Amino acid sequence: VDAAVVDPAAPAVPDPAFDRDWADVLLARAGDRLAAEHATPGERARYERLAHFVTTNGTSASYAAAGALLGLTEGAVKVAVHRLRQRLRDLARSEIAETLADPTPEAVEDELRTLIEALAGRTR
């Protein structure tokens, strides 16, 4: 038996590197859309100050410092970051739906779980 021949009956094994690359591209596209939604000059400055909190957790001090620069309280910064994270999730779901032949809510959520697992695998 030729080792290069793949058994068509064998279950497909996902390639972790492919999944990570897919997750990176999808999140970049969703992130670009999120940034584009904050394109006006006033929104852009606020977005740029808060964007790094969307993918990383800030400390109380870092939220307070960002708030001081934006004229917001620490609590207002936390709420704004929470809303940005929610919007990024919505945009990621939209990006996922565009890749599916049958974008049912269940299929989108399955793909979203795969995306999260791919990103979590990066730290292993």
PDB file of N, CA and C in Angstrom:
ATOM      1  N   VAL A   1       0.851  -1.184   0.000  1.00  0.00           N
ATOM      2  CA  VAL A   1       0.000   0.000   0.000  1.00  0.00           C
ATOM      3  C   VAL A   1       0.885   1.232   0.000  1.00  0.00           C
ATOM      4  N   ASP A   2       0.590   2.153  -0.886  1.00  0.00           N
ATOM      5  CA  ASP A   2       1.361   3.397  -1.017  1.00  0.00           C
ATOM      6  C   ASP A   2       0.998   4.337   0.135  1.00  0.00           C
ATOM      7  N   ALA A   3       1.984   4.785   0.902  1.00  0.00           N
ATOM      8  CA  ALA A   3       1.746   5.664   2.048  1.00  0.00           C
ATOM      9  C   ALA A   3       1.209   7.022   1.624  1.00  0.00           C
ATOM     10  N   ALA A   4       1.417   7.389   0.373  1.00  0.00           N
ATOM     11  CA  ALA A   4       0.960   8.688  -0.104  1.00  0.00           C
ATOM     12  C   ALA A   4      -0.527   8.676  -0.452  1.00  0.00           C
ATOM     13  N   VAL A   5      -1.118   7.493  -0.533  1.00  0.00           N
ATOM     14  CA  VAL A   5      -2.529   7.387  -0.864  1.00  0.00           C
ATOM     15  C   VAL A   5      -3.339   7.572   0.415  1.00  0.00           C
ATOM     16  N   VAL A   6      -4.314   8.450   0.366  1.00  0.00           N
ATOM     17  CA  VAL A   6      -5.144   8.734   1.521  1.00  0.00           C
ATOM     18  C   VAL A   6      -6.410   7.902   1.432  1.00  0.00           C
ATOM     19  N   ASP A   7      -6.757   7.267   2.538  1.00  0.00           N
ATOM     20  CA  ASP A   7      -7.988   6.486   2.601  1.00  0.00           C
ATOM     21  C   ASP A   7      -9.171   7.441   2.634  1.00  0.00           C
ATOM     22  N   PRO A   8     -10.023   7.431   1.599  1.00  0.00           N
ATOM     23  CA  PRO A   8     -11.156   8.359   1.583  1.00  0.00           C
ATOM     24  C   PRO A   8     -12.147   8.109   2.705  1.00  0.00           C
ATOM     25  N   ALA A   9     -12.137   6.925   3.296  1.00  0.00           N
ATOM     26  CA  ALA A   9     -13.046   6.619   4.393  1.00  0.00           C
ATOM     27  C   ALA A   9     -12.509   7.099   5.738  1.00  0.00           C
ATOM     28  N   ALA A  10     -11.232   7.452   5.774  1.00  0.00           N
ATOM     29  CA  ALA A  10     -10.628   7.915   7.026  1.00  0.00           C
ATOM     30  C   ALA A  10     -11.181   9.294   7.378  1.00  0.00           C
ATOM     31  N   PRO A  11     -11.431   9.515   8.671  1.00  0.00           N
ATOM     32  CA  PRO A  11     -11.939  10.834   9.070  1.00  0.00           C
ATOM     33  C   PRO A  11     -10.898  11.922   8.805  1.00  0.00           C
ATOM     34  N   ALA A  12     -11.382  13.075   8.398  1.00  0.00           N
ATOM     35  CA  ALA A  12     -10.485  14.201   8.138  1.00  0.00           C
ATOM     36  C   ALA A  12      -9.926  14.711   9.467  1.00  0.00           C
ATOM     37  N   VAL A  13      -8.650  14.981   9.482  1.00  0.00           N
ATOM     38  CA  VAL A  13      -7.999  15.525  10.665  1.00  0.00           C
ATOM     39  C   VAL A  13      -7.689  16.987  10.377  1.00  0.00           C
ATOM     40  N   PRO A  14      -8.282  17.892  11.159  1.00  0.00           N
ATOM     41  CA  PRO A  14      -8.026  19.311  10.894  1.00  0.00           C
ATOM     42  C   PRO A  14      -6.568  19.670  11.136  1.00  0.00           C
ATOM     43  N   ASP A  15      -6.060  20.539  10.316  1.00  0.00           N
ATOM     44  CA  ASP A  15      -4.691  21.022  10.442  1.00  0.00           C
ATOM     45  C   ASP A  15      -4.701  22.233  11.376  1.00  0.00           C
ATOM     46  N   PRO A  16      -4.081  22.129  12.558  1.00  0.00           N
ATOM     47  CA  PRO A  16      -4.098  23.247  13.506  1.00  0.00           C
ATOM     48  C   PRO A  16      -3.530  24.539  12.924  1.00  0.00           C
ATOM     49  N   ALA A  17      -2.491  24.439  12.111  1.00  0.00           N
ATOM     50  CA  ALA A  17      -1.906  25.650  11.523  1.00  0.00           C
ATOM     51  C   ALA A  17      -2.888  26.315  10.574  1.00  0.00           C
ATOM     52  N   PHE A  18      -3.598  25.509   9.791  1.00  0.00           N
ATOM     53  CA  PHE A  18      -4.610  26.066   8.886  1.00  0.00           C
ATOM     54  C   PHE A  18      -5.701  26.758   9.687  1.00  0.00           C
ATOM     55  N   ASP A  19      -6.171  26.108  10.759  1.00  0.00           N
ATOM     56  CA  ASP A  19      -7.226  26.701  11.583  1.00  0.00           C
ATOM     57  C   ASP A  19      -6.770  28.011  12.217  1.00  0.00           C
ATOM     58  N   ARG A  20      -5.518  28.056  12.689  1.00  0.00           N
ATOM     59  CA  ARG A  20      -5.006  29.303  13.276  1.00  0.00           C
ATOM     60  C   ARG A  20      -4.921  30.408  12.231  1.00  0.00           C
ATOM     61  N   ASP A  21      -4.434  30.050  11.050  1.00  0.00           N
ATOM     62  CA  ASP A  21      -4.340  31.048   9.976  1.00  0.00           C
ATOM     63  C   ASP A  21      -5.727  31.556   9.602  1.00  0.00           C
ATOM     64  N   TRP A  22      -6.682  30.626   9.498  1.00  0.00           N
ATOM     65  CA  TRP A  22      -8.070  31.004   9.192  1.00  0.00           C
ATOM     66  C   TRP A  22      -8.611  31.941  10.273  1.00  0.00           C
ATOM     67  N   ALA A  23      -8.374  31.609  11.534  1.00  0.00           N
ATOM     68  CA  ALA A  23      -8.844  32.441  12.641  1.00  0.00           C
ATOM     69  C   ALA A  23      -8.212  33.830  12.580  1.00  0.00           C
ATOM     70  N   ASP A  24      -6.918  33.880  12.298  1.00  0.00           N
ATOM     71  CA  ASP A  24      -6.235  35.175  12.197  1.00  0.00           C
ATOM     72  C   ASP A  24      -6.829  36.041  11.092  1.00  0.00           C
ATOM     73  N   VAL A  25      -7.060  35.446   9.931  1.00  0.00           N
ATOM     74  CA  VAL A  25      -7.617  36.192   8.793  1.00  0.00           C
ATOM     75  C   VAL A  25      -9.029  36.660   9.118  1.00  0.00           C
ATOM     76  N   LEU A  26      -9.827  35.767   9.661  1.00  0.00           N
ATOM     77  CA  LEU A  26     -11.208  36.118   9.969  1.00  0.00           C
ATOM     78  C   LEU A  26     -11.274  37.237  11.000  1.00  0.00           C
ATOM     79  N   LEU A  27     -10.475  37.132  12.053  1.00  0.00           N
ATOM     80  CA  LEU A  27     -10.479  38.185  13.069  1.00  0.00           C
ATOM     81  C   LEU A  27      -9.918  39.492  12.543  1.00  0.00           C
ATOM     82  N   ALA A  28      -8.945  39.424  11.665  1.00  0.00           N
ATOM     83  CA  ALA A  28      -8.414  40.649  11.058  1.00  0.00           C
ATOM     84  C   ALA A  28      -9.493  41.343  10.235  1.00  0.00           C
ATOM     85  N   ARG A  29     -10.248  40.556   9.476  1.00  0.00           N
ATOM     86  CA  ARG A  29     -11.330  41.142   8.678  1.00  0.00           C
ATOM     87  C   ARG A  29     -12.402  41.762   9.571  1.00  0.00           C
ATOM     88  N   ALA A  30     -12.776  41.047  10.631  1.00  0.00           N
ATOM     89  CA  ALA A  30     -13.769  41.588  11.564  1.00  0.00           C
ATOM     90  C   ALA A  30     -13.219  42.839  12.246  1.00  0.00           C
ATOM     91  N   GLY A  31     -11.939  42.808  12.613  1.00  0.00           N
ATOM     92  CA  GLY A  31     -11.312  43.975  13.233  1.00  0.00           C
ATOM     93  C   GLY A  31     -11.256  45.172  12.297  1.00  0.00           C
ATOM     94  N   ASP A  32     -10.985  44.912  11.019  1.00  0.00           N
ATOM     95  CA  ASP A  32     -10.986  45.999  10.030  1.00  0.00           C
ATOM     96  C   ASP A  32     -12.377  46.614   9.912  1.00  0.00           C
ATOM     97  N   ARG A  33     -13.382  45.769   9.917  1.00  0.00           N
ATOM     98  CA  ARG A  33     -14.757  46.285   9.840  1.00  0.00           C
ATOM     99  C   ARG A  33     -15.106  47.102  11.085  1.00  0.00           C
ATOM    100  N   LEU A  34     -14.666  46.628  12.249  1.00  0.00           N
ATOM    101  CA  LEU A  34     -14.915  47.359  13.493  1.00  0.00           C
ATOM    102  C   LEU A  34     -14.238  48.726  13.441  1.00  0.00           C
ATOM    103  N   ALA A  35     -13.002  48.757  12.995  1.00  0.00           N
ATOM    104  CA  ALA A  35     -12.280  50.033  12.883  1.00  0.00           C
ATOM    105  C   ALA A  35     -12.975  50.962  11.892  1.00  0.00           C
ATOM    106  N   ALA A  36     -13.457  50.406  10.783  1.00  0.00           N
ATOM    107  CA  ALA A  36     -14.134  51.226   9.778  1.00  0.00           C
ATOM    108  C   ALA A  36     -15.418  51.845  10.325  1.00  0.00           C
ATOM    109  N   GLU A  37     -16.045  51.165  11.273  1.00  0.00           N
ATOM    110  CA  GLU A  37     -17.259  51.713  11.886  1.00  0.00           C
ATOM    111  C   GLU A  37     -16.953  52.913  12.782  1.00  0.00           C
ATOM    112  N   HIS A  38     -15.698  53.112  13.097  1.00  0.00           N
ATOM    113  CA  HIS A  38     -15.280  54.225  13.950  1.00  0.00           C
ATOM    114  C   HIS A  38     -14.341  55.149  13.181  1.00  0.00           C
ATOM    115  N   ALA A  39     -14.741  55.490  11.981  1.00  0.00           N
ATOM    116  CA  ALA A  39     -13.870  56.221  11.064  1.00  0.00           C
ATOM    117  C   ALA A  39     -13.919  57.739  11.208  1.00  0.00           C
ATOM    118  N   THR A  40     -14.945  58.276  11.847  1.00  0.00           N
ATOM    119  CA  THR A  40     -14.974  59.729  11.992  1.00  0.00           C
ATOM    120  C   THR A  40     -13.845  60.153  12.935  1.00  0.00           C
ATOM    121  N   PRO A  41     -13.322  61.371  12.780  1.00  0.00           N
ATOM    122  CA  PRO A  41     -12.171  61.781  13.586  1.00  0.00           C
ATOM    123  C   PRO A  41     -12.353  61.609  15.102  1.00  0.00           C
ATOM    124  N   GLY A  42     -13.481  62.003  15.633  1.00  0.00           N
ATOM    125  CA  GLY A  42     -13.708  61.862  17.073  1.00  0.00           C
ATOM    126  C   GLY A  42     -13.802  60.415  17.504  1.00  0.00           C
ATOM    127  N   GLU A  43     -14.483  59.623  16.722  1.00  0.00           N
ATOM    128  CA  GLU A  43     -14.609  58.197  17.040  1.00  0.00           C
ATOM    129  C   GLU A  43     -13.274  57.478  16.850  1.00  0.00           C
ATOM    130  N   ARG A  44     -12.517  57.879  15.844  1.00  0.00           N
ATOM    131  CA  ARG A  44     -11.246  57.211  15.543  1.00  0.00           C
ATOM    132  C   ARG A  44     -10.289  57.332  16.722  1.00  0.00           C
ATOM    133  N   ALA A  45     -10.158  58.506  17.293  1.00  0.00           N
ATOM    134  CA  ALA A  45      -9.236  58.702  18.413  1.00  0.00           C
ATOM    135  C   ALA A  45      -9.646  57.841  19.609  1.00  0.00           C
ATOM    136  N   ARG A  46     -10.920  57.825  19.902  1.00  0.00           N
ATOM    137  CA  ARG A  46     -11.418  57.009  21.018  1.00  0.00           C
ATOM    138  C   ARG A  46     -11.184  55.525  20.730  1.00  0.00           C
ATOM    139  N   TYR A  47     -11.529  55.098  19.515  1.00  0.00           N
ATOM    140  CA  TYR A  47     -11.353  53.701  19.138  1.00  0.00           C
ATOM    141  C   TYR A  47      -9.885  53.289  19.247  1.00  0.00           C
ATOM    142  N   GLU A  48      -8.995  54.102  18.723  1.00  0.00           N
ATOM    143  CA  GLU A  48      -7.576  53.765  18.763  1.00  0.00           C
ATOM    144  C   GLU A  48      -7.059  53.650  20.198  1.00  0.00           C
ATOM    145  N   ARG A  49      -7.597  54.446  21.095  1.00  0.00           N
ATOM    146  CA  ARG A  49      -7.181  54.396  22.498  1.00  0.00           C
ATOM    147  C   ARG A  49      -7.705  53.121  23.176  1.00  0.00           C
ATOM    148  N   LEU A  50      -8.874  52.626  22.732  1.00  0.00           N
ATOM    149  CA  LEU A  50      -9.504  51.479  23.394  1.00  0.00           C
ATOM    150  C   LEU A  50      -9.294  50.143  22.679  1.00  0.00           C
ATOM    151  N   ALA A  51      -8.874  50.182  21.422  1.00  0.00           N
ATOM    152  CA  ALA A  51      -8.827  48.969  20.598  1.00  0.00           C
ATOM    153  C   ALA A  51      -7.986  47.855  21.201  1.00  0.00           C
ATOM    154  N   HIS A  52      -6.868  48.178  21.812  1.00  0.00           N
ATOM    155  CA  HIS A  52      -6.021  47.100  22.346  1.00  0.00           C
ATOM    156  C   HIS A  52      -6.688  46.361  23.500  1.00  0.00           C
ATOM    157  N   PHE A  53      -7.647  47.011  24.186  1.00  0.00           N
ATOM    158  CA  PHE A  53      -8.375  46.347  25.267  1.00  0.00           C
ATOM    159  C   PHE A  53      -9.368  45.304  24.738  1.00  0.00           C
ATOM    160  N   VAL A  54      -9.685  45.377  23.462  1.00  0.00           N
ATOM    161  CA  VAL A  54     -10.662  44.455  22.885  1.00  0.00           C
ATOM    162  C   VAL A  54     -10.131  43.025  22.910  1.00  0.00           C
ATOM    163  N   THR A  55      -8.841  42.861  22.688  1.00  0.00           N
ATOM    164  CA  THR A  55      -8.268  41.519  22.629  1.00  0.00           C
ATOM    165  C   THR A  55      -7.382  41.179  23.825  1.00  0.00           C
ATOM    166  N   THR A  56      -7.188  42.131  24.720  1.00  0.00           N
ATOM    167  CA  THR A  56      -6.408  41.874  25.933  1.00  0.00           C
ATOM    168  C   THR A  56      -7.137  42.477  27.119  1.00  0.00           C
ATOM    169  N   ASN A  57      -6.969  41.874  28.260  1.00  0.00           N
ATOM    170  CA  ASN A  57      -7.594  42.411  29.463  1.00  0.00           C
ATOM    171  C   ASN A  57      -6.736  43.521  30.035  1.00  0.00           C
ATOM    172  N   GLY A  58      -7.382  44.605  30.363  1.00  0.00           N
ATOM    173  CA  GLY A  58      -6.682  45.707  30.986  1.00  0.00           C
ATOM    174  C   GLY A  58      -6.747  45.598  32.494  1.00  0.00           C
ATOM    175  N   THR A  59      -5.964  46.411  33.135  1.00  0.00           N
ATOM    176  CA  THR A  59      -6.007  46.506  34.591  1.00  0.00           C
ATOM    177  C   THR A  59      -6.860  47.709  34.946  1.00  0.00           C
ATOM    178  N   SER A  60      -7.214  47.785  36.188  1.00  0.00           N
ATOM    179  CA  SER A  60      -7.982  48.935  36.647  1.00  0.00           C
ATOM    180  C   SER A  60      -7.220  50.221  36.342  1.00  0.00           C
ATOM    181  N   ALA A  61      -5.922  50.188  36.559  1.00  0.00           N
ATOM    182  CA  ALA A  61      -5.095  51.374  36.314  1.00  0.00           C
ATOM    183  C   ALA A  61      -5.050  51.726  34.830  1.00  0.00           C
ATOM    184  N   SER A  62      -4.955  50.699  33.962  1.00  0.00           N
ATOM    185  CA  SER A  62      -4.873  50.998  32.530  1.00  0.00           C
ATOM    186  C   SER A  62      -6.204  51.527  31.991  1.00  0.00           C
ATOM    187  N   TYR A  63      -7.317  51.000  32.521  1.00  0.00           N
ATOM    188  CA  TYR A  63      -8.620  51.544  32.125  1.00  0.00           C
ATOM    189  C   TYR A  63      -8.760  52.989  32.614  1.00  0.00           C
ATOM    190  N   ALA A  64      -8.308  53.241  33.828  1.00  0.00           N
ATOM    191  CA  ALA A  64      -8.381  54.599  34.378  1.00  0.00           C
ATOM    192  C   ALA A  64      -7.513  55.554  33.574  1.00  0.00           C
ATOM    193  N   ALA A  65      -6.319  55.102  33.185  1.00  0.00           N
ATOM    194  CA  ALA A  65      -5.418  55.953  32.400  1.00  0.00           C
ATOM    195  C   ALA A  65      -6.020  56.264  31.035  1.00  0.00           C
ATOM    196  N   ALA A  66      -6.594  55.270  30.389  1.00  0.00           N
ATOM    197  CA  ALA A  66      -7.245  55.509  29.098  1.00  0.00           C
ATOM    198  C   ALA A  66      -8.416  56.463  29.276  1.00  0.00           C
ATOM    199  N   GLY A  67      -9.164  56.267  30.351  1.00  0.00           N
ATOM    200  CA  GLY A  67     -10.294  57.144  30.622  1.00  0.00           C
ATOM    201  C   GLY A  67      -9.867  58.583  30.841  1.00  0.00           C
ATOM    202  N   ALA A  68      -8.755  58.772  31.544  1.00  0.00           N
ATOM    203  CA  ALA A  68      -8.256  60.129  31.790  1.00  0.00           C
ATOM    204  C   ALA A  68      -7.923  60.822  30.480  1.00  0.00           C
ATOM    205  N   LEU A  69      -7.349  60.087  29.537  1.00  0.00           N
ATOM    206  CA  LEU A  69      -7.004  60.672  28.233  1.00  0.00           C
ATOM    207  C   LEU A  69      -8.247  60.964  27.390  1.00  0.00           C
ATOM    208  N   LEU A  70      -9.300  60.204  27.634  1.00  0.00           N
ATOM    209  CA  LEU A  70     -10.520  60.362  26.835  1.00  0.00           C
ATOM    210  C   LEU A  70     -11.604  61.162  27.540  1.00  0.00           C
ATOM    211  N   GLY A  71     -11.354  61.564  28.784  1.00  0.00           N
ATOM    212  CA  GLY A  71     -12.363  62.288  29.544  1.00  0.00           C
ATOM    213  C   GLY A  71     -13.490  61.375  30.005  1.00  0.00           C
ATOM    214  N   LEU A  72     -13.157  60.105  30.273  1.00  0.00           N
ATOM    215  CA  LEU A  72     -14.144  59.121  30.712  1.00  0.00           C
ATOM    216  C   LEU A  72     -13.734  58.541  32.059  1.00  0.00           C
ATOM    217  N   THR A  73     -14.704  58.019  32.775  1.00  0.00           N
ATOM    218  CA  THR A  73     -14.385  57.311  34.004  1.00  0.00           C
ATOM    219  C   THR A  73     -13.877  55.914  33.659  1.00  0.00           C
ATOM    220  N   GLU A  74     -13.251  55.284  34.628  1.00  0.00           N
ATOM    221  CA  GLU A  74     -12.801  53.901  34.438  1.00  0.00           C
ATOM    222  C   GLU A  74     -13.984  53.008  34.059  1.00  0.00           C
ATOM    223  N   GLY A  75     -15.101  53.201  34.742  1.00  0.00           N
ATOM    224  CA  GLY A  75     -16.300  52.413  34.446  1.00  0.00           C
ATOM    225  C   GLY A  75     -16.796  52.624  33.030  1.00  0.00           C
ATOM    226  N   ALA A  76     -16.752  53.859  32.558  1.00  0.00           N
ATOM    227  CA  ALA A  76     -17.198  54.146  31.189  1.00  0.00           C
ATOM    228  C   ALA A  76     -16.279  53.483  30.168  1.00  0.00           C
ATOM    229  N   VAL A  77     -14.994  53.426  30.481  1.00  0.00           N
ATOM    230  CA  VAL A  77     -14.046  52.751  29.588  1.00  0.00           C
ATOM    231  C   VAL A  77     -14.375  51.266  29.539  1.00  0.00           C
ATOM    232  N   LYS A  78     -14.630  50.665  30.687  1.00  0.00           N
ATOM    233  CA  LYS A  78     -14.969  49.240  30.730  1.00  0.00           C
ATOM    234  C   LYS A  78     -16.228  48.952  29.919  1.00  0.00           C
ATOM    235  N   VAL A  79     -17.210  49.803  30.030  1.00  0.00           N
ATOM    236  CA  VAL A  79     -18.446  49.619  29.261  1.00  0.00           C
ATOM    237  C   VAL A  79     -18.163  49.760  27.767  1.00  0.00           C
ATOM    238  N   ALA A  80     -17.375  50.760  27.395  1.00  0.00           N
ATOM    239  CA  ALA A  80     -17.049  50.966  25.978  1.00  0.00           C
ATOM    240  C   ALA A  80     -16.288  49.766  25.421  1.00  0.00           C
ATOM    241  N   VAL A  81     -15.348  49.234  26.188  1.00  0.00           N
ATOM    242  CA  VAL A  81     -14.590  48.059  25.749  1.00  0.00           C
ATOM    243  C   VAL A  81     -15.519  46.858  25.624  1.00  0.00           C
ATOM    244  N   HIS A  82     -16.409  46.681  26.577  1.00  0.00           N
ATOM    245  CA  HIS A  82     -17.381  45.581  26.515  1.00  0.00           C
ATOM    246  C   HIS A  82     -18.210  45.670  25.234  1.00  0.00           C
ATOM    247  N   ARG A  83     -18.644  46.855  24.909  1.00  0.00           N
ATOM    248  CA  ARG A  83     -19.449  47.050  23.684  1.00  0.00           C
ATOM    249  C   ARG A  83     -18.622  46.778  22.429  1.00  0.00           C
ATOM    250  N   LEU A  84     -17.359  47.200  22.425  1.00  0.00           N
ATOM    251  CA  LEU A  84     -16.491  46.913  21.284  1.00  0.00           C
ATOM    252  C   LEU A  84     -16.283  45.409  21.131  1.00  0.00           C
ATOM    253  N   ARG A  85     -16.099  44.714  22.242  1.00  0.00           N
ATOM    254  CA  ARG A  85     -15.934  43.253  22.184  1.00  0.00           C
ATOM    255  C   ARG A  85     -17.188  42.579  21.642  1.00  0.00           C
ATOM    256  N   GLN A  86     -18.345  43.038  22.100  1.00  0.00           N
ATOM    257  CA  GLN A  86     -19.605  42.479  21.591  1.00  0.00           C
ATOM    258  C   GLN A  86     -19.723  42.706  20.088  1.00  0.00           C
ATOM    259  N   ARG A  87     -19.380  43.897  19.655  1.00  0.00           N
ATOM    260  CA  ARG A  87     -19.482  44.212  18.228  1.00  0.00           C
ATOM    261  C   ARG A  87     -18.493  43.379  17.418  1.00  0.00           C
ATOM    262  N   LEU A  88     -17.284  43.177  17.941  1.00  0.00           N
ATOM    263  CA  LEU A  88     -16.311  42.338  17.248  1.00  0.00           C
ATOM    264  C   LEU A  88     -16.841  40.909  17.116  1.00  0.00           C
ATOM    265  N   ARG A  89     -17.469  40.381  18.164  1.00  0.00           N
ATOM    266  CA  ARG A  89     -18.064  39.035  18.084  1.00  0.00           C
ATOM    267  C   ARG A  89     -19.140  38.987  17.004  1.00  0.00           C
ATOM    268  N   ASP A  90     -19.982  40.024  16.956  1.00  0.00           N
ATOM    269  CA  ASP A  90     -21.031  40.072  15.924  1.00  0.00           C
ATOM    270  C   ASP A  90     -20.418  40.101  14.527  1.00  0.00           C
ATOM    271  N   LEU A  91     -19.380  40.896  14.360  1.00  0.00           N
ATOM    272  CA  LEU A  91     -18.727  40.989  13.053  1.00  0.00           C
ATOM    273  C   LEU A  91     -18.014  39.685  12.695  1.00  0.00           C
ATOM    274  N   ALA A  92     -17.439  39.015  13.682  1.00  0.00           N
ATOM    275  CA  ALA A  92     -16.806  37.714  13.429  1.00  0.00           C
ATOM    276  C   ALA A  92     -17.864  36.712  12.989  1.00  0.00           C
ATOM    277  N   ARG A  93     -19.013  36.719  13.634  1.00  0.00           N
ATOM    278  CA  ARG A  93     -20.107  35.825  13.226  1.00  0.00           C
ATOM    279  C   ARG A  93     -20.529  36.119  11.788  1.00  0.00           C
ATOM    280  N   SER A  94     -20.599  37.379  11.456  1.00  0.00           N
ATOM    281  CA  SER A  94     -20.962  37.771  10.096  1.00  0.00           C
ATOM    282  C   SER A  94     -19.928  37.281   9.088  1.00  0.00           C
ATOM    283  N   GLU A  95     -18.656  37.442   9.427  1.00  0.00           N
ATOM    284  CA  GLU A  95     -17.584  36.953   8.549  1.00  0.00           C
ATOM    285  C   GLU A  95     -17.674  35.437   8.383  1.00  0.00           C
ATOM    286  N   ILE A  96     -17.928  34.740   9.477  1.00  0.00           N
ATOM    287  CA  ILE A  96     -18.071  33.284   9.417  1.00  0.00           C
ATOM    288  C   ILE A  96     -19.245  32.912   8.521  1.00  0.00           C
ATOM    289  N   ALA A  97     -20.376  33.580   8.695  1.00  0.00           N
ATOM    290  CA  ALA A  97     -21.569  33.269   7.907  1.00  0.00           C
ATOM    291  C   ALA A  97     -21.299  33.408   6.417  1.00  0.00           C
ATOM    292  N   GLU A  98     -20.468  34.374   6.053  1.00  0.00           N
ATOM    293  CA  GLU A  98     -20.149  34.580   4.638  1.00  0.00           C
ATOM    294  C   GLU A  98     -19.322  33.437   4.052  1.00  0.00           C
ATOM    295  N   THR A  99     -18.697  32.632   4.907  1.00  0.00           N
ATOM    296  CA  THR A  99     -17.873  31.522   4.417  1.00  0.00           C
ATOM    297  C   THR A  99     -18.646  30.215   4.320  1.00  0.00           C
ATOM    298  N   LEU A 100     -19.852  30.192   4.844  1.00  0.00           N
ATOM    299  CA  LEU A 100     -20.617  28.947   4.903  1.00  0.00           C
ATOM    300  C   LEU A 100     -21.645  28.859   3.787  1.00  0.00           C
ATOM    301  N   ALA A 101     -21.797  27.667   3.239  1.00  0.00           N
ATOM    302  CA  ALA A 101     -22.818  27.445   2.209  1.00  0.00           C
ATOM    303  C   ALA A 101     -24.210  27.555   2.813  1.00  0.00           C
ATOM    304  N   ASP A 102     -24.371  27.079   4.047  1.00  0.00           N
ATOM    305  CA  ASP A 102     -25.660  27.123   4.742  1.00  0.00           C
ATOM    306  C   ASP A 102     -25.431  27.745   6.122  1.00  0.00           C
ATOM    307  N   PRO A 103     -25.447  29.080   6.198  1.00  0.00           N
ATOM    308  CA  PRO A 103     -25.090  29.761   7.448  1.00  0.00           C
ATOM    309  C   PRO A 103     -26.200  29.773   8.502  1.00  0.00           C
ATOM    310  N   THR A 104     -26.595  28.586   8.945  1.00  0.00           N
ATOM    311  CA  THR A 104     -27.568  28.521  10.030  1.00  0.00           C
ATOM    312  C   THR A 104     -26.910  29.031  11.312  1.00  0.00           C
ATOM    313  N   PRO A 105     -27.699  29.485  12.265  1.00  0.00           N
ATOM    314  CA  PRO A 105     -27.095  29.931  13.536  1.00  0.00           C
ATOM    315  C   PRO A 105     -26.235  28.844  14.183  1.00  0.00           C
ATOM    316  N   GLU A 106     -26.674  27.594  14.086  1.00  0.00           N
ATOM    317  CA  GLU A 106     -25.903  26.498  14.679  1.00  0.00           C
ATOM    318  C   GLU A 106     -24.568  26.323  13.968  1.00  0.00           C
ATOM    319  N   ALA A 107     -24.572  26.402  12.638  1.00  0.00           N
ATOM    320  CA  ALA A 107     -23.332  26.251  11.870  1.00  0.00           C
ATOM    321  C   ALA A 107     -22.365  27.388  12.185  1.00  0.00           C
ATOM    322  N   VAL A 108     -22.888  28.600  12.299  1.00  0.00           N
ATOM    323  CA  VAL A 108     -22.038  29.751  12.619  1.00  0.00           C
ATOM    324  C   VAL A 108     -21.425  29.572  14.004  1.00  0.00           C
ATOM    325  N   GLU A 109     -22.228  29.138  14.976  1.00  0.00           N
ATOM    326  CA  GLU A 109     -21.706  28.935  16.329  1.00  0.00           C
ATOM    327  C   GLU A 109     -20.660  27.820  16.362  1.00  0.00           C
ATOM    328  N   ASP A 110     -20.875  26.750  15.575  1.00  0.00           N
ATOM    329  CA  ASP A 110     -19.876  25.677  15.486  1.00  0.00           C
ATOM    330  C   ASP A 110     -18.552  26.216  14.957  1.00  0.00           C
ATOM    331  N   GLU A 111     -18.626  27.026  13.912  1.00  0.00           N
ATOM    332  CA  GLU A 111     -17.405  27.605  13.336  1.00  0.00           C
ATOM    333  C   GLU A 111     -16.760  28.581  14.311  1.00  0.00           C
ATOM    334  N   LEU A 112     -17.575  29.328  15.043  1.00  0.00           N
ATOM    335  CA  LEU A 112     -17.037  30.257  16.039  1.00  0.00           C
ATOM    336  C   LEU A 112     -16.284  29.481  17.126  1.00  0.00           C
ATOM    337  N   ARG A 113     -16.821  28.351  17.545  1.00  0.00           N
ATOM    338  CA  ARG A 113     -16.123  27.506  18.526  1.00  0.00           C
ATOM    339  C   ARG A 113     -14.790  27.021  17.951  1.00  0.00           C
ATOM    340  N   THR A 114     -14.794  26.642  16.682  1.00  0.00           N
ATOM    341  CA  THR A 114     -13.555  26.205  16.043  1.00  0.00           C
ATOM    342  C   THR A 114     -12.535  27.343  16.025  1.00  0.00           C
ATOM    343  N   LEU A 115     -12.998  28.544  15.737  1.00  0.00           N
ATOM    344  CA  LEU A 115     -12.119  29.713  15.734  1.00  0.00           C
ATOM    345  C   LEU A 115     -11.511  29.928  17.117  1.00  0.00           C
ATOM    346  N   ILE A 116     -12.332  29.856  18.149  1.00  0.00           N
ATOM    347  CA  ILE A 116     -11.851  30.068  19.516  1.00  0.00           C
ATOM    348  C   ILE A 116     -10.856  28.976  19.898  1.00  0.00           C
ATOM    349  N   GLU A 117     -11.157  27.734  19.525  1.00  0.00           N
ATOM    350  CA  GLU A 117     -10.231  26.630  19.821  1.00  0.00           C
ATOM    351  C   GLU A 117      -8.908  26.818  19.089  1.00  0.00           C
ATOM    352  N   ALA A 118      -8.974  27.284  17.859  1.00  0.00           N
ATOM    353  CA  ALA A 118      -7.741  27.515  17.086  1.00  0.00           C
ATOM    354  C   ALA A 118      -6.887  28.577  17.751  1.00  0.00           C
ATOM    355  N   LEU A 119      -7.523  29.632  18.234  1.00  0.00           N
ATOM    356  CA  LEU A 119      -6.774  30.692  18.899  1.00  0.00           C
ATOM    357  C   LEU A 119      -6.245  30.233  20.254  1.00  0.00           C
ATOM    358  N   ALA A 120      -7.019  29.425  20.961  1.00  0.00           N
ATOM    359  CA  ALA A 120      -6.572  28.908  22.253  1.00  0.00           C
ATOM    360  C   ALA A 120      -5.393  27.963  22.066  1.00  0.00           C
ATOM    361  N   GLY A 121      -5.372  27.221  20.955  1.00  0.00           N
ATOM    362  CA  GLY A 121      -4.293  26.297  20.678  1.00  0.00           C
ATOM    363  C   GLY A 121      -2.967  26.985  20.455  1.00  0.00           C
ATOM    364  N   ARG A 122      -3.020  28.260  20.162  1.00  0.00           N
ATOM    365  CA  ARG A 122      -1.809  29.042  19.935  1.00  0.00           C
ATOM    366  C   ARG A 122      -0.948  29.103  21.185  1.00  0.00           C
ATOM    367  N   THR A 123      -1.583  29.031  22.354  1.00  0.00           N
ATOM    368  CA  THR A 123      -0.839  29.177  23.603  1.00  0.00           C
ATOM    369  C   THR A 123      -0.310  27.855  24.121  1.00  0.00           C
ATOM    370  N   ARG A 124      -0.650  26.762  23.505  1.00  0.00           N
ATOM    371  CA  ARG A 124      -0.186  25.453  23.988  1.00  0.00           C
ATOM    372  C   ARG A 124       1.248  25.220  23.644  1.00  0.00           C
TER     373      ARG A 124
END
